Amino acid sequence: MKVTVSRKAHFNAAHRLFRKDWTDDQNEAMFGKCANPYYHGHNYELIVHVTGSIDPNTGYVMDMKVLKDLIKVEVEDLLDHKNLNEQVADFSELIPTAENIAVVIYNKLKPHLNKEHGLSVTLYETPRNFVTFSG
């Protein structure tokens, strides 16, 4: 029997969607206001889902305190109150779209989980715009 446990978190970050090899006009045509050269920010909401078997000794799929601490160290400390383009090495050559941010978060968390556990990351950029990545 597999069960999914989930933990919510949030972080605030600024970014700019643009390609360095495109002109300002090309970037604005593709990314609109999100290509603003002065950046813009979001209050990101994150849900991390871990799927696995219930441990008969603890009754847990995963200790939620461990998951909370992992999210803080690997995600919140890295991304919160940062300019993603300028301050986070993962985005030095990667456009920090919600899709790419979700993949980066997944890749930060996955190595720290039990190999038998499944992982899925849902990232809300706005209350109505969100992405999910499951590896």
N, C-alpha and C. Protein backbone atom coordinates (compact mmCIF):
# COMPACT_ATOMS: atom_id res chain seq x y z
N MET A 1 0.84 -1.18 0.00
CA MET A 1 0.00 0.00 0.00
C MET A 1 0.89 1.25 0.00
N LYS A 2 0.63 2.15 -0.94
CA LYS A 2 1.38 3.40 -1.05
C LYS A 2 0.51 4.56 -0.57
N VAL A 3 1.14 5.46 0.16
CA VAL A 3 0.47 6.65 0.69
C VAL A 3 1.33 7.86 0.35
N THR A 4 0.68 8.98 0.05
CA THR A 4 1.41 10.21 -0.23
C THR A 4 1.22 11.18 0.93
N VAL A 5 2.33 11.68 1.45
CA VAL A 5 2.31 12.74 2.45
C VAL A 5 2.80 14.01 1.78
N SER A 6 2.29 15.14 2.22
CA SER A 6 2.63 16.41 1.57
C SER A 6 2.95 17.47 2.59
N ARG A 7 3.88 18.33 2.22
CA ARG A 7 4.28 19.45 3.08
C ARG A 7 4.25 20.73 2.25
N LYS A 8 3.60 21.76 2.79
CA LYS A 8 3.55 23.06 2.14
C LYS A 8 4.68 23.94 2.66
N ALA A 9 5.17 24.79 1.78
CA ALA A 9 6.19 25.77 2.15
C ALA A 9 6.00 26.97 1.24
N HIS A 10 6.72 28.03 1.50
CA HIS A 10 6.65 29.19 0.61
C HIS A 10 7.98 29.92 0.62
N PHE A 11 8.18 30.68 -0.44
CA PHE A 11 9.33 31.57 -0.52
C PHE A 11 8.97 32.72 -1.45
N ASN A 12 9.65 33.82 -1.27
CA ASN A 12 9.46 35.01 -2.09
C ASN A 12 10.73 35.20 -2.91
N ALA A 13 10.58 35.44 -4.19
CA ALA A 13 11.76 35.61 -5.03
C ALA A 13 11.44 36.48 -6.23
N ALA A 14 12.48 37.13 -6.74
CA ALA A 14 12.37 37.93 -7.95
C ALA A 14 13.03 37.18 -9.10
N HIS A 15 12.55 37.45 -10.30
CA HIS A 15 13.18 36.86 -11.48
C HIS A 15 12.85 37.69 -12.71
N ARG A 16 13.52 37.34 -13.77
CA ARG A 16 13.24 37.91 -15.08
C ARG A 16 13.28 36.78 -16.08
N LEU A 17 12.27 36.70 -16.93
CA LEU A 17 12.25 35.70 -17.98
C LEU A 17 12.81 36.34 -19.24
N PHE A 18 13.96 35.86 -19.66
CA PHE A 18 14.58 36.39 -20.88
C PHE A 18 15.71 35.47 -21.32
N ARG A 19 16.04 35.59 -22.58
CA ARG A 19 17.19 34.90 -23.15
C ARG A 19 18.27 35.94 -23.43
N LYS A 20 19.47 35.68 -22.96
CA LYS A 20 20.58 36.62 -23.15
C LYS A 20 20.92 36.81 -24.63
N ASP A 21 20.64 35.79 -25.43
CA ASP A 21 21.00 35.86 -26.85
C ASP A 21 19.90 36.50 -27.71
N TRP A 22 18.80 36.95 -27.09
CA TRP A 22 17.73 37.63 -27.82
C TRP A 22 17.78 39.12 -27.55
N THR A 23 17.21 39.88 -28.47
CA THR A 23 17.07 41.33 -28.26
C THR A 23 15.98 41.58 -27.23
N ASP A 24 15.95 42.82 -26.74
CA ASP A 24 14.88 43.21 -25.80
C ASP A 24 13.51 43.04 -26.45
N ASP A 25 13.41 43.37 -27.74
CA ASP A 25 12.13 43.24 -28.45
C ASP A 25 11.70 41.78 -28.55
N GLN A 26 12.65 40.89 -28.85
CA GLN A 26 12.32 39.46 -28.93
C GLN A 26 11.88 38.94 -27.56
N ASN A 27 12.60 39.32 -26.51
CA ASN A 27 12.24 38.88 -25.17
C ASN A 27 10.87 39.40 -24.76
N GLU A 28 10.59 40.65 -25.07
CA GLU A 28 9.28 41.21 -24.71
C GLU A 28 8.16 40.53 -25.51
N ALA A 29 8.43 40.22 -26.77
CA ALA A 29 7.42 39.54 -27.59
C ALA A 29 7.10 38.15 -27.03
N MET A 30 8.10 37.46 -26.53
CA MET A 30 7.89 36.10 -25.99
C MET A 30 7.38 36.12 -24.55
N PHE A 31 8.01 36.90 -23.69
CA PHE A 31 7.76 36.82 -22.25
C PHE A 31 6.92 37.97 -21.69
N GLY A 32 6.61 38.95 -22.52
CA GLY A 32 5.77 40.07 -22.07
C GLY A 32 6.35 40.80 -20.88
N LYS A 33 5.48 41.14 -19.91
CA LYS A 33 5.91 41.89 -18.73
C LYS A 33 6.95 41.12 -17.91
N CYS A 34 6.98 39.82 -18.07
CA CYS A 34 7.94 39.00 -17.31
C CYS A 34 9.38 39.20 -17.78
N ALA A 35 9.56 39.87 -18.92
CA ALA A 35 10.90 40.18 -19.42
C ALA A 35 11.42 41.52 -18.90
N ASN A 36 10.69 42.15 -18.02
CA ASN A 36 11.07 43.45 -17.46
C ASN A 36 12.54 43.43 -17.02
N PRO A 37 13.39 44.30 -17.58
CA PRO A 37 14.81 44.28 -17.22
C PRO A 37 15.08 44.64 -15.76
N TYR A 38 14.07 45.15 -15.06
CA TYR A 38 14.21 45.48 -13.64
C TYR A 38 13.65 44.38 -12.73
N TYR A 39 13.27 43.26 -13.34
CA TYR A 39 12.79 42.08 -12.62
C TYR A 39 11.38 42.28 -12.05
N HIS A 40 10.82 41.23 -11.53
CA HIS A 40 9.54 41.25 -10.85
C HIS A 40 9.53 40.07 -9.89
N GLY A 41 8.60 40.04 -8.95
CA GLY A 41 8.65 39.01 -7.93
C GLY A 41 7.35 38.26 -7.76
N HIS A 42 7.46 37.14 -7.06
CA HIS A 42 6.31 36.29 -6.76
C HIS A 42 6.40 35.80 -5.32
N ASN A 43 5.25 35.53 -4.74
CA ASN A 43 5.15 34.83 -3.47
C ASN A 43 4.84 33.38 -3.84
N TYR A 44 5.87 32.58 -3.99
CA TYR A 44 5.72 31.19 -4.43
C TYR A 44 5.18 30.32 -3.31
N GLU A 45 4.25 29.45 -3.65
CA GLU A 45 3.75 28.43 -2.73
C GLU A 45 4.23 27.08 -3.27
N LEU A 46 4.77 26.28 -2.40
CA LEU A 46 5.35 24.99 -2.78
C LEU A 46 4.66 23.88 -2.00
N ILE A 47 4.33 22.79 -2.70
CA ILE A 47 3.85 21.58 -2.03
C ILE A 47 4.75 20.45 -2.47
N VAL A 48 5.37 19.79 -1.50
CA VAL A 48 6.25 18.65 -1.76
C VAL A 48 5.49 17.40 -1.35
N HIS A 49 5.36 16.46 -2.29
CA HIS A 49 4.62 15.22 -2.05
C HIS A 49 5.62 14.06 -2.06
N VAL A 50 5.59 13.26 -1.01
CA VAL A 50 6.44 12.07 -0.91
C VAL A 50 5.53 10.85 -0.82
N THR A 51 5.76 9.90 -1.72
CA THR A 51 4.92 8.70 -1.78
C THR A 51 5.75 7.48 -1.42
N GLY A 52 5.18 6.63 -0.57
CA GLY A 52 5.86 5.40 -0.21
C GLY A 52 4.99 4.53 0.67
N SER A 53 5.58 3.47 1.13
CA SER A 53 4.89 2.55 2.04
C SER A 53 4.94 3.08 3.46
N ILE A 54 3.93 2.75 4.23
CA ILE A 54 3.91 3.14 5.64
C ILE A 54 4.83 2.21 6.41
N ASP A 55 5.76 2.81 7.14
CA ASP A 55 6.69 2.04 7.98
C ASP A 55 5.89 1.42 9.13
N PRO A 56 5.90 0.09 9.27
CA PRO A 56 5.10 -0.53 10.33
C PRO A 56 5.59 -0.18 11.74
N ASN A 57 6.84 0.25 11.87
CA ASN A 57 7.38 0.60 13.18
C ASN A 57 6.99 2.01 13.63
N THR A 58 6.85 2.92 12.67
CA THR A 58 6.57 4.31 13.03
C THR A 58 5.18 4.77 12.62
N GLY A 59 4.59 4.11 11.62
CA GLY A 59 3.32 4.56 11.07
C GLY A 59 3.48 5.69 10.07
N TYR A 60 4.73 6.06 9.79
CA TYR A 60 5.03 7.16 8.86
C TYR A 60 5.41 6.64 7.49
N VAL A 61 5.10 7.42 6.45
CA VAL A 61 5.76 7.27 5.17
C VAL A 61 7.12 7.95 5.29
N MET A 62 7.10 9.16 5.87
CA MET A 62 8.30 9.93 6.13
C MET A 62 8.02 10.85 7.30
N ASP A 63 8.96 11.01 8.16
CA ASP A 63 8.83 11.93 9.29
C ASP A 63 8.68 13.35 8.73
N MET A 64 7.57 14.01 9.02
CA MET A 64 7.28 15.32 8.45
C MET A 64 8.26 16.39 8.96
N LYS A 65 8.80 16.21 10.16
CA LYS A 65 9.82 17.15 10.66
C LYS A 65 11.07 17.06 9.80
N VAL A 66 11.44 15.86 9.41
CA VAL A 66 12.60 15.67 8.53
C VAL A 66 12.33 16.34 7.18
N LEU A 67 11.13 16.16 6.63
CA LEU A 67 10.77 16.77 5.36
C LEU A 67 10.76 18.30 5.49
N LYS A 68 10.20 18.82 6.57
CA LYS A 68 10.18 20.26 6.81
C LYS A 68 11.60 20.83 6.82
N ASP A 69 12.50 20.19 7.55
CA ASP A 69 13.88 20.66 7.65
C ASP A 69 14.61 20.56 6.31
N LEU A 70 14.33 19.51 5.56
CA LEU A 70 14.94 19.32 4.25
C LEU A 70 14.51 20.44 3.29
N ILE A 71 13.23 20.76 3.29
CA ILE A 71 12.72 21.83 2.43
C ILE A 71 13.35 23.17 2.84
N LYS A 72 13.49 23.40 4.13
CA LYS A 72 14.09 24.66 4.57
C LYS A 72 15.52 24.78 4.07
N VAL A 73 16.32 23.76 4.26
CA VAL A 73 17.74 23.82 3.90
C VAL A 73 17.94 23.83 2.39
N GLU A 74 17.24 22.96 1.67
CA GLU A 74 17.49 22.78 0.24
C GLU A 74 16.72 23.74 -0.65
N VAL A 75 15.62 24.30 -0.15
CA VAL A 75 14.78 25.16 -1.00
C VAL A 75 14.69 26.57 -0.43
N GLU A 76 14.12 26.70 0.74
CA GLU A 76 13.88 28.04 1.29
C GLU A 76 15.16 28.83 1.49
N ASP A 77 16.18 28.22 2.08
CA ASP A 77 17.44 28.94 2.30
C ASP A 77 18.09 29.33 0.98
N LEU A 78 17.89 28.53 -0.06
CA LEU A 78 18.48 28.79 -1.37
C LEU A 78 17.74 29.88 -2.14
N LEU A 79 16.39 29.88 -2.06
CA LEU A 79 15.59 30.71 -2.96
C LEU A 79 14.90 31.91 -2.30
N ASP A 80 14.63 31.85 -1.01
CA ASP A 80 13.81 32.88 -0.38
C ASP A 80 14.51 34.24 -0.36
N HIS A 81 13.76 35.26 -0.81
CA HIS A 81 14.23 36.65 -0.87
C HIS A 81 15.48 36.79 -1.72
N LYS A 82 15.50 36.05 -2.83
CA LYS A 82 16.63 36.10 -3.75
C LYS A 82 16.16 36.58 -5.11
N ASN A 83 17.10 37.14 -5.86
CA ASN A 83 16.91 37.39 -7.27
C ASN A 83 17.42 36.11 -7.94
N LEU A 84 16.52 35.31 -8.46
CA LEU A 84 16.89 33.99 -8.97
C LEU A 84 17.93 34.08 -10.09
N ASN A 85 17.77 35.05 -10.98
CA ASN A 85 18.71 35.20 -12.09
C ASN A 85 20.11 35.55 -11.61
N GLU A 86 20.20 36.39 -10.59
CA GLU A 86 21.48 36.95 -10.18
C GLU A 86 22.13 36.22 -9.00
N GLN A 87 21.33 35.58 -8.15
CA GLN A 87 21.87 35.05 -6.90
C GLN A 87 21.84 33.54 -6.76
N VAL A 88 21.20 32.85 -7.69
CA VAL A 88 21.08 31.39 -7.58
C VAL A 88 21.79 30.75 -8.77
N ALA A 89 22.88 30.06 -8.49
CA ALA A 89 23.74 29.51 -9.55
C ALA A 89 22.97 28.62 -10.52
N ASP A 90 21.96 27.92 -10.04
CA ASP A 90 21.18 27.03 -10.91
C ASP A 90 20.54 27.78 -12.08
N PHE A 91 20.33 29.08 -11.92
CA PHE A 91 19.66 29.87 -12.95
C PHE A 91 20.59 30.82 -13.70
N SER A 92 21.89 30.60 -13.57
CA SER A 92 22.82 31.46 -14.30
C SER A 92 22.68 31.28 -15.81
N GLU A 93 22.31 30.09 -16.25
CA GLU A 93 22.10 29.81 -17.67
C GLU A 93 20.73 29.21 -17.96
N LEU A 94 19.90 29.10 -16.94
CA LEU A 94 18.58 28.48 -17.05
C LEU A 94 17.51 29.53 -16.76
N ILE A 95 16.55 29.69 -17.65
CA ILE A 95 15.50 30.69 -17.45
C ILE A 95 14.64 30.26 -16.25
N PRO A 96 14.49 31.12 -15.24
CA PRO A 96 13.77 30.71 -14.03
C PRO A 96 12.25 30.77 -14.18
N THR A 97 11.73 29.99 -15.13
CA THR A 97 10.29 29.81 -15.25
C THR A 97 9.81 28.94 -14.10
N ALA A 98 8.53 28.93 -13.85
CA ALA A 98 7.98 28.05 -12.81
C ALA A 98 8.34 26.60 -13.11
N GLU A 99 8.31 26.23 -14.39
CA GLU A 99 8.66 24.86 -14.77
C GLU A 99 10.09 24.52 -14.37
N ASN A 100 11.02 25.41 -14.70
CA ASN A 100 12.42 25.14 -14.38
C ASN A 100 12.69 25.21 -12.88
N ILE A 101 12.02 26.12 -12.18
CA ILE A 101 12.19 26.19 -10.73
C ILE A 101 11.72 24.89 -10.08
N ALA A 102 10.59 24.35 -10.53
CA ALA A 102 10.08 23.09 -9.97
C ALA A 102 11.08 21.95 -10.20
N VAL A 103 11.68 21.89 -11.37
CA VAL A 103 12.68 20.83 -11.65
C VAL A 103 13.90 21.01 -10.76
N VAL A 104 14.36 22.24 -10.59
CA VAL A 104 15.51 22.49 -9.71
C VAL A 104 15.19 22.05 -8.29
N ILE A 105 14.01 22.40 -7.79
CA ILE A 105 13.61 22.00 -6.43
C ILE A 105 13.59 20.47 -6.32
N TYR A 106 12.98 19.82 -7.29
CA TYR A 106 12.93 18.35 -7.30
C TYR A 106 14.35 17.77 -7.20
N ASN A 107 15.25 18.29 -8.02
CA ASN A 107 16.62 17.78 -8.06
C ASN A 107 17.39 18.06 -6.78
N LYS A 108 17.01 19.10 -6.05
CA LYS A 108 17.64 19.39 -4.76
C LYS A 108 17.15 18.42 -3.68
N LEU A 109 15.88 18.05 -3.76
CA LEU A 109 15.28 17.21 -2.71
C LEU A 109 15.49 15.71 -2.92
N LYS A 110 15.38 15.26 -4.15
CA LYS A 110 15.36 13.82 -4.44
C LYS A 110 16.55 13.04 -3.86
N PRO A 111 17.78 13.54 -3.95
CA PRO A 111 18.90 12.76 -3.42
C PRO A 111 18.85 12.51 -1.91
N HIS A 112 18.05 13.30 -1.19
CA HIS A 112 17.97 13.18 0.26
C HIS A 112 16.86 12.25 0.73
N LEU A 113 16.07 11.73 -0.21
CA LEU A 113 14.95 10.85 0.16
C LEU A 113 15.36 9.39 0.05
N ASN A 114 14.62 8.57 0.75
CA ASN A 114 14.75 7.12 0.62
C ASN A 114 14.55 6.76 -0.85
N LYS A 115 15.38 5.91 -1.38
CA LYS A 115 15.31 5.55 -2.81
C LYS A 115 13.95 4.95 -3.21
N GLU A 116 13.25 4.36 -2.27
CA GLU A 116 11.94 3.77 -2.56
C GLU A 116 10.82 4.82 -2.60
N HIS A 117 11.10 6.02 -2.15
CA HIS A 117 10.07 7.05 -2.11
C HIS A 117 9.94 7.76 -3.45
N GLY A 118 8.69 7.97 -3.84
CA GLY A 118 8.41 8.81 -5.00
C GLY A 118 8.35 10.26 -4.56
N LEU A 119 8.65 11.16 -5.46
CA LEU A 119 8.63 12.58 -5.16
C LEU A 119 7.89 13.33 -6.25
N SER A 120 7.09 14.28 -5.84
CA SER A 120 6.41 15.19 -6.76
C SER A 120 6.45 16.58 -6.14
N VAL A 121 6.67 17.59 -6.97
CA VAL A 121 6.76 18.97 -6.52
C VAL A 121 5.70 19.78 -7.26
N THR A 122 4.86 20.48 -6.52
CA THR A 122 3.90 21.41 -7.11
C THR A 122 4.29 22.81 -6.68
N LEU A 123 4.48 23.68 -7.66
CA LEU A 123 4.91 25.04 -7.38
C LEU A 123 3.88 26.02 -7.93
N TYR A 124 3.31 26.84 -7.04
CA TYR A 124 2.37 27.89 -7.43
C TYR A 124 3.15 29.19 -7.59
N GLU A 125 3.13 29.74 -8.80
CA GLU A 125 3.73 31.05 -9.03
C GLU A 125 2.72 32.15 -8.68
N THR A 126 1.47 31.88 -8.96
CA THR A 126 0.35 32.72 -8.54
C THR A 126 -0.73 31.74 -8.06
N PRO A 127 -1.78 32.23 -7.43
CA PRO A 127 -2.84 31.30 -7.00
C PRO A 127 -3.46 30.51 -8.15
N ARG A 128 -3.37 31.03 -9.39
CA ARG A 128 -4.00 30.35 -10.51
C ARG A 128 -3.01 29.68 -11.47
N ASN A 129 -1.72 29.99 -11.33
CA ASN A 129 -0.71 29.42 -12.22
C ASN A 129 0.24 28.54 -11.42
N PHE A 130 0.24 27.26 -11.75
CA PHE A 130 1.11 26.34 -11.02
C PHE A 130 1.57 25.21 -11.94
N VAL A 131 2.67 24.59 -11.53
CA VAL A 131 3.23 23.47 -12.28
C VAL A 131 3.51 22.33 -11.30
N THR A 132 3.53 21.11 -11.85
CA THR A 132 3.86 19.93 -11.07
C THR A 132 4.91 19.13 -11.83
N PHE A 133 5.94 18.71 -11.09
CA PHE A 133 7.00 17.88 -11.68
C PHE A 133 7.19 16.65 -10.81
N SER A 134 7.21 15.48 -11.48
CA SER A 134 7.34 14.22 -10.76
C SER A 134 8.55 13.39 -11.20
N GLY A 135 9.49 14.03 -11.84
CA GLY A 135 10.70 13.27 -12.22
C GLY A 135 10.57 12.57 -13.54
